[in-house]
N, C-alpha and C. Protein backbone atom coordinates (compact mmCIF):
# COMPACT_ATOMS: atom_id res chain seq x y z
N GLN A 1 93.85 75.72 104.53
CA GLN A 1 95.83 77.04 103.41
C GLN A 1 94.95 76.04 101.98
N GLU A 2 94.52 77.20 101.20
CA GLU A 2 94.26 76.95 99.97
C GLU A 2 95.59 77.05 99.35
N LYS A 3 95.56 76.14 98.25
CA LYS A 3 96.72 76.14 97.46
C LYS A 3 96.33 76.22 96.31
N VAL A 4 97.07 77.01 94.07
CA VAL A 4 96.43 77.24 93.11
C VAL A 4 97.88 76.51 92.40
N VAL A 5 97.22 75.20 91.30
CA VAL A 5 98.11 74.83 91.72
C VAL A 5 98.03 74.95 89.81
N GLU A 6 98.85 75.14 89.10
CA GLU A 6 98.70 75.29 87.49
C GLU A 6 99.40 73.79 86.43
N SER A 7 99.39 73.66 85.48
CA SER A 7 99.58 72.58 84.66
C SER A 7 99.17 72.91 83.07
N GLY A 8 99.44 71.99 82.15
CA GLY A 8 99.73 72.38 80.59
C GLY A 8 100.38 73.20 80.05
N GLY A 9 101.36 74.06 80.23
CA GLY A 9 101.79 74.58 79.70
C GLY A 9 103.20 74.16 78.67
N GLY A 10 103.46 74.30 77.41
CA GLY A 10 104.70 73.87 77.13
C GLY A 10 104.31 74.71 75.37
N SER A 11 104.91 74.61 74.90
CA SER A 11 105.81 75.13 73.84
C SER A 11 105.06 74.19 72.17
N VAL A 12 104.50 75.01 71.51
CA VAL A 12 103.67 74.71 70.11
C VAL A 12 104.01 75.61 68.82
N GLN A 13 103.43 75.51 67.80
CA GLN A 13 104.12 76.33 66.91
C GLN A 13 102.25 76.71 66.95
N PRO A 14 102.51 77.97 65.71
CA PRO A 14 102.08 79.36 65.84
C PRO A 14 100.13 78.22 64.89
N GLY A 15 98.91 78.34 65.14
CA GLY A 15 97.78 77.95 64.98
C GLY A 15 97.76 77.03 65.94
N GLY A 16 99.10 75.98 66.62
CA GLY A 16 98.40 75.00 67.50
C GLY A 16 97.56 75.21 68.72
N SER A 17 97.08 74.22 69.28
CA SER A 17 96.55 74.42 70.68
C SER A 17 97.09 74.22 71.74
N LEU A 18 97.44 74.64 73.06
CA LEU A 18 97.17 74.23 74.27
C LEU A 18 95.74 73.69 75.53
N LYS A 19 96.17 72.98 76.51
CA LYS A 19 94.84 73.18 77.39
C LYS A 19 95.64 73.54 79.12
N LEU A 20 95.13 74.56 79.26
CA LEU A 20 95.86 74.97 80.61
C LEU A 20 95.16 74.29 82.17
N GLU A 21 95.34 73.96 83.13
CA GLU A 21 94.75 73.24 84.44
C GLU A 21 95.24 74.15 85.06
N CYS A 22 94.00 74.47 86.24
CA CYS A 22 94.63 74.87 87.23
C CYS A 22 93.80 74.27 87.88
N VAL A 23 94.21 73.64 89.69
CA VAL A 23 93.49 73.23 90.29
C VAL A 23 93.66 73.65 91.82
N VAL A 24 92.89 73.97 92.42
CA VAL A 24 92.73 74.69 93.52
C VAL A 24 91.83 73.70 94.58
N SER A 25 93.53 74.01 95.49
CA SER A 25 92.58 72.91 96.54
C SER A 25 91.76 74.05 97.65
N GLY A 26 90.86 73.13 98.33
CA GLY A 26 90.41 74.17 100.23
C GLY A 26 89.00 74.11 99.59
N ASN A 27 88.07 75.16 101.10
CA ASN A 27 86.79 74.63 101.12
C ASN A 27 86.19 75.67 99.78
N GLU A 28 84.54 75.41 99.60
CA GLU A 28 83.87 76.60 98.35
C GLU A 28 84.41 76.69 97.53
N PHE A 29 84.93 75.39 96.63
CA PHE A 29 85.18 75.93 94.84
C PHE A 29 84.37 76.53 94.90
N ASN A 30 82.99 76.52 94.69
CA ASN A 30 81.96 76.59 94.02
C ASN A 30 82.00 78.62 93.97
N PHE A 31 82.46 79.05 95.32
CA PHE A 31 81.62 80.76 94.71
C PHE A 31 83.92 81.39 94.69
N TYR A 32 84.70 80.32 93.58
CA TYR A 32 85.65 81.14 93.66
C TYR A 32 85.39 82.23 92.22
N THR A 33 84.71 83.20 91.65
CA THR A 33 86.19 83.69 90.88
C THR A 33 87.54 83.45 90.14
N LEU A 34 87.21 82.50 89.57
CA LEU A 34 88.48 81.79 88.91
C LEU A 34 89.87 82.90 88.05
N THR A 35 90.23 83.21 87.44
CA THR A 35 91.16 84.05 86.46
C THR A 35 92.20 83.70 86.19
N TRP A 36 92.91 83.30 84.77
CA TRP A 36 93.49 83.49 84.07
C TRP A 36 94.55 84.29 83.67
N HIS A 37 95.46 85.36 84.08
CA HIS A 37 96.58 85.73 84.22
C HIS A 37 96.93 85.45 82.57
N ARG A 38 98.18 86.58 82.46
CA ARG A 38 99.64 86.15 81.59
C ARG A 38 100.69 87.39 81.76
N GLN A 39 101.94 87.07 81.68
CA GLN A 39 102.95 87.51 81.93
C GLN A 39 104.38 87.76 80.34
N ALA A 40 104.39 88.32 79.77
CA ALA A 40 105.32 88.04 79.02
C ALA A 40 106.56 89.04 79.01
N PRO A 41 107.61 88.71 78.76
CA PRO A 41 108.50 89.38 79.31
C PRO A 41 109.08 90.80 79.33
N GLY A 42 109.07 91.75 79.60
CA GLY A 42 109.69 92.34 79.61
C GLY A 42 108.00 93.61 80.05
N LYS A 43 106.60 92.76 80.45
CA LYS A 43 105.51 93.00 79.80
C LYS A 43 104.92 92.92 81.39
N GLN A 44 104.04 94.10 81.80
CA GLN A 44 103.37 93.81 83.14
C GLN A 44 102.10 92.88 82.56
N ARG A 45 101.95 91.66 84.15
CA ARG A 45 100.45 91.24 84.00
C ARG A 45 99.68 91.66 83.33
N GLU A 46 98.76 90.55 82.54
CA GLU A 46 97.01 91.22 82.63
C GLU A 46 96.24 89.79 82.53
N LEU A 47 95.33 90.63 82.39
CA LEU A 47 93.96 89.09 83.20
C LEU A 47 94.12 89.09 81.31
N VAL A 48 93.21 87.91 80.90
CA VAL A 48 92.97 87.33 79.70
C VAL A 48 91.67 86.78 79.64
N ALA A 49 90.81 86.14 80.91
CA ALA A 49 90.05 85.78 81.24
C ALA A 49 89.18 85.63 81.88
N THR A 50 87.90 85.34 82.85
CA THR A 50 87.44 85.44 84.41
C THR A 50 86.70 84.57 84.33
N ILE A 51 86.14 83.98 85.18
CA ILE A 51 85.00 82.65 85.43
C ILE A 51 84.35 82.91 87.32
N THR A 52 83.05 83.50 87.08
CA THR A 52 82.30 83.86 88.27
C THR A 52 81.95 83.00 88.43
N SER A 53 81.47 82.39 89.49
CA SER A 53 80.50 82.35 90.35
C SER A 53 79.54 81.23 89.80
N GLY A 54 78.87 82.44 89.64
CA GLY A 54 77.32 82.08 88.77
C GLY A 54 77.84 81.53 87.44
N ARG A 55 79.03 81.78 87.23
CA ARG A 55 79.89 81.26 85.30
C ARG A 55 78.84 82.37 84.25
N THR A 56 79.66 83.76 85.04
CA THR A 56 79.48 85.27 84.35
C THR A 56 80.70 84.68 83.23
N ILE A 57 81.05 84.80 81.99
CA ILE A 57 82.26 84.67 81.57
C ILE A 57 83.31 86.30 81.50
N THR A 58 84.21 86.52 81.31
CA THR A 58 84.78 87.64 79.88
C THR A 58 86.47 87.50 80.11
N TYR A 59 86.42 87.63 78.52
CA TYR A 59 87.82 88.19 77.82
C TYR A 59 88.44 88.61 77.46
N ALA A 60 88.77 89.31 77.97
CA ALA A 60 90.54 90.09 76.75
C ALA A 60 90.21 89.82 75.49
N ASP A 61 90.65 91.93 74.53
CA ASP A 61 89.95 91.73 73.59
C ASP A 61 91.27 90.49 72.11
N SER A 62 92.25 90.22 73.00
CA SER A 62 93.25 89.96 71.76
C SER A 62 92.75 88.88 72.49
N VAL A 63 91.83 88.21 72.99
CA VAL A 63 92.21 86.56 72.74
C VAL A 63 91.29 85.75 73.04
N LYS A 64 89.93 86.46 72.83
CA LYS A 64 88.20 86.87 72.11
C LYS A 64 88.01 85.63 71.01
N ASP A 65 87.41 84.67 70.80
CA ASP A 65 86.82 83.34 70.05
C ASP A 65 88.25 83.03 69.76
N ARG A 66 89.08 82.73 70.62
CA ARG A 66 90.18 81.61 70.51
C ARG A 66 90.34 80.99 71.27
N PHE A 67 90.37 81.54 72.67
CA PHE A 67 90.57 80.92 74.90
C PHE A 67 89.18 80.05 74.83
N THR A 68 89.16 79.66 75.68
CA THR A 68 87.76 79.14 75.86
C THR A 68 88.17 79.28 77.57
N ILE A 69 87.62 79.34 79.19
CA ILE A 69 87.77 79.58 80.23
C ILE A 69 86.65 78.42 80.91
N PHE A 70 86.76 77.76 81.16
CA PHE A 70 85.24 76.52 82.24
C PHE A 70 85.79 76.00 83.59
N ARG A 71 84.79 75.66 84.71
CA ARG A 71 84.82 75.18 85.75
C ARG A 71 84.79 74.10 85.86
N ASN A 72 85.49 73.40 86.34
CA ASN A 72 84.60 71.72 86.99
C ASN A 72 84.10 72.11 87.83
N ASN A 73 83.28 72.36 88.57
CA ASN A 73 83.79 72.84 90.50
C ASN A 73 84.04 70.88 91.50
N ALA A 74 83.49 70.09 90.43
CA ALA A 74 83.17 68.61 91.31
C ALA A 74 84.55 68.82 91.61
N ARG A 75 85.76 68.51 90.90
CA ARG A 75 87.78 68.17 90.63
C ARG A 75 87.56 69.96 90.80
N LYS A 76 87.28 71.23 91.69
CA LYS A 76 88.19 71.62 91.59
C LYS A 76 89.07 72.62 90.80
N THR A 77 88.19 72.20 89.45
CA THR A 77 88.92 73.10 88.67
C THR A 77 89.17 74.09 87.54
N VAL A 78 89.69 74.93 87.31
CA VAL A 78 89.26 75.84 86.62
C VAL A 78 90.50 75.55 85.29
N TYR A 79 90.34 75.77 84.32
CA TYR A 79 91.09 75.17 82.61
C TYR A 79 90.47 76.48 81.59
N LEU A 80 91.50 77.08 81.33
CA LEU A 80 91.88 77.45 79.77
C LEU A 80 92.35 76.61 78.44
N GLU A 81 91.81 76.96 77.39
CA GLU A 81 91.17 75.65 76.45
C GLU A 81 91.97 77.42 75.38
N MET A 82 93.00 77.23 74.67
CA MET A 82 94.01 77.63 73.79
C MET A 82 94.06 77.28 72.10
N ASN A 83 93.38 78.17 72.03
CA ASN A 83 93.39 77.19 70.43
C ASN A 83 94.31 78.96 69.36
N ASN A 84 94.36 78.33 68.07
CA ASN A 84 94.71 79.04 66.70
C ASN A 84 96.01 80.57 68.13
N LEU A 85 97.20 79.17 68.68
CA LEU A 85 97.94 80.41 69.06
C LEU A 85 99.06 80.88 68.10
N LYS A 86 98.99 82.51 68.49
CA LYS A 86 99.79 83.25 67.98
C LYS A 86 101.65 83.87 69.24
N PRO A 87 102.93 84.01 68.30
CA PRO A 87 103.97 84.02 69.14
C PRO A 87 103.41 85.71 70.71
N GLU A 88 102.69 86.52 70.07
CA GLU A 88 102.54 86.56 70.51
C GLU A 88 101.87 86.82 72.41
N ASP A 89 101.04 84.54 71.98
CA ASP A 89 100.04 84.71 73.90
C ASP A 89 101.88 84.44 74.50
N THR A 90 102.92 84.07 73.47
CA THR A 90 104.07 83.39 74.63
C THR A 90 104.47 84.62 76.24
N ALA A 91 104.32 83.99 76.57
CA ALA A 91 103.37 84.03 78.41
C ALA A 91 103.96 83.27 79.35
N VAL A 92 104.49 83.51 80.42
CA VAL A 92 103.90 82.66 81.68
C VAL A 92 102.40 83.24 82.36
N TYR A 93 101.81 82.24 82.16
CA TYR A 93 100.34 82.00 82.09
C TYR A 93 100.31 81.25 83.85
N TYR A 94 99.20 81.82 84.30
CA TYR A 94 99.24 82.06 86.35
C TYR A 94 97.70 82.26 85.62
N CYS A 95 97.19 81.89 86.99
CA CYS A 95 95.70 80.79 87.65
C CYS A 95 95.33 82.06 89.59
N ASN A 96 94.07 82.61 89.32
CA ASN A 96 93.57 83.38 90.46
C ASN A 96 92.39 82.61 90.59
N ALA A 97 93.07 82.73 92.16
CA ALA A 97 91.18 82.00 93.05
C ALA A 97 91.64 83.12 94.04
N ASP A 98 89.64 83.49 93.89
CA ASP A 98 89.68 85.06 94.85
C ASP A 98 87.99 84.21 95.23
N HIS A 99 87.92 84.29 97.05
CA HIS A 99 86.71 83.61 97.66
C HIS A 99 87.10 85.78 98.68
N ARG A 100 85.56 85.65 99.06
CA ARG A 100 85.47 86.96 100.04
C ARG A 100 85.68 86.06 101.01
N ILE A 101 85.82 85.07 101.55
CA ILE A 101 85.50 84.80 102.75
C ILE A 101 87.78 84.22 103.59
N TYR A 102 88.04 83.23 102.10
CA TYR A 102 89.02 82.35 102.12
C TYR A 102 90.39 83.42 101.49
N GLY A 103 89.74 84.22 101.08
CA GLY A 103 91.03 84.97 99.92
C GLY A 103 91.88 85.70 98.98
N ASN A 104 92.30 86.14 98.24
CA ASN A 104 93.40 85.88 97.47
C ASN A 104 94.23 84.77 97.21
N HIS A 105 93.92 84.05 95.78
CA HIS A 105 95.69 82.96 95.80
C HIS A 105 95.86 82.99 94.89
N TRP A 106 96.69 82.80 94.27
CA TRP A 106 98.15 83.23 92.83
C TRP A 106 98.40 81.23 92.78
N GLY A 107 98.95 80.92 91.79
CA GLY A 107 99.60 79.46 91.11
C GLY A 107 101.10 80.24 90.87
N GLN A 108 102.06 79.72 90.61
CA GLN A 108 103.39 79.72 90.55
C GLN A 108 103.42 80.12 89.16
N GLY A 109 102.26 79.71 87.69
CA GLY A 109 102.64 79.84 86.70
C GLY A 109 103.27 78.71 85.72
N THR A 110 102.64 79.04 84.79
CA THR A 110 102.71 77.61 84.00
C THR A 110 103.19 78.81 81.99
N GLN A 111 104.42 77.82 81.59
CA GLN A 111 105.55 78.81 80.77
C GLN A 111 104.72 78.00 79.14
N VAL A 112 103.94 78.97 78.28
CA VAL A 112 103.01 78.86 77.35
C VAL A 112 104.25 79.39 76.64
N THR A 113 104.78 78.41 74.87
CA THR A 113 106.00 79.03 74.61
C THR A 113 105.19 79.42 72.78
N VAL A 114 104.87 79.99 71.73
CA VAL A 114 104.30 79.54 70.60
C VAL A 114 105.67 79.88 69.57
N SER A 115 106.15 79.70 68.32
CA SER A 115 107.38 79.75 67.33
C SER A 115 107.23 78.97 66.40
N ALA A 116 107.88 79.16 65.81
CA ALA A 116 107.67 77.84 64.26
C ALA A 116 109.01 77.34 64.91
């Protein structure tokens, strides 16, 4: 049974940094497409960053040049490094792991709050 667990959220001031981690248990981590999403209060969940099994990476325009997604297959972990955080980055951040055989799995989310 695959399980997705995020960590690393917290509260920071504008301009600060945080690094989120997401561990995906189960088989064939190398073949998962991994994505980070976020949902702010009263808003729809939005895709923030994607990294495929072949390490193709895409970002939402709102986070380009500030956020970095990367994966460590040996540790079954995907990371989201967030720099120059802005108040509008405040949201619950969710990790998603998608595999063509083992299915699609969400984590429980981790809160990121950016305020002065």
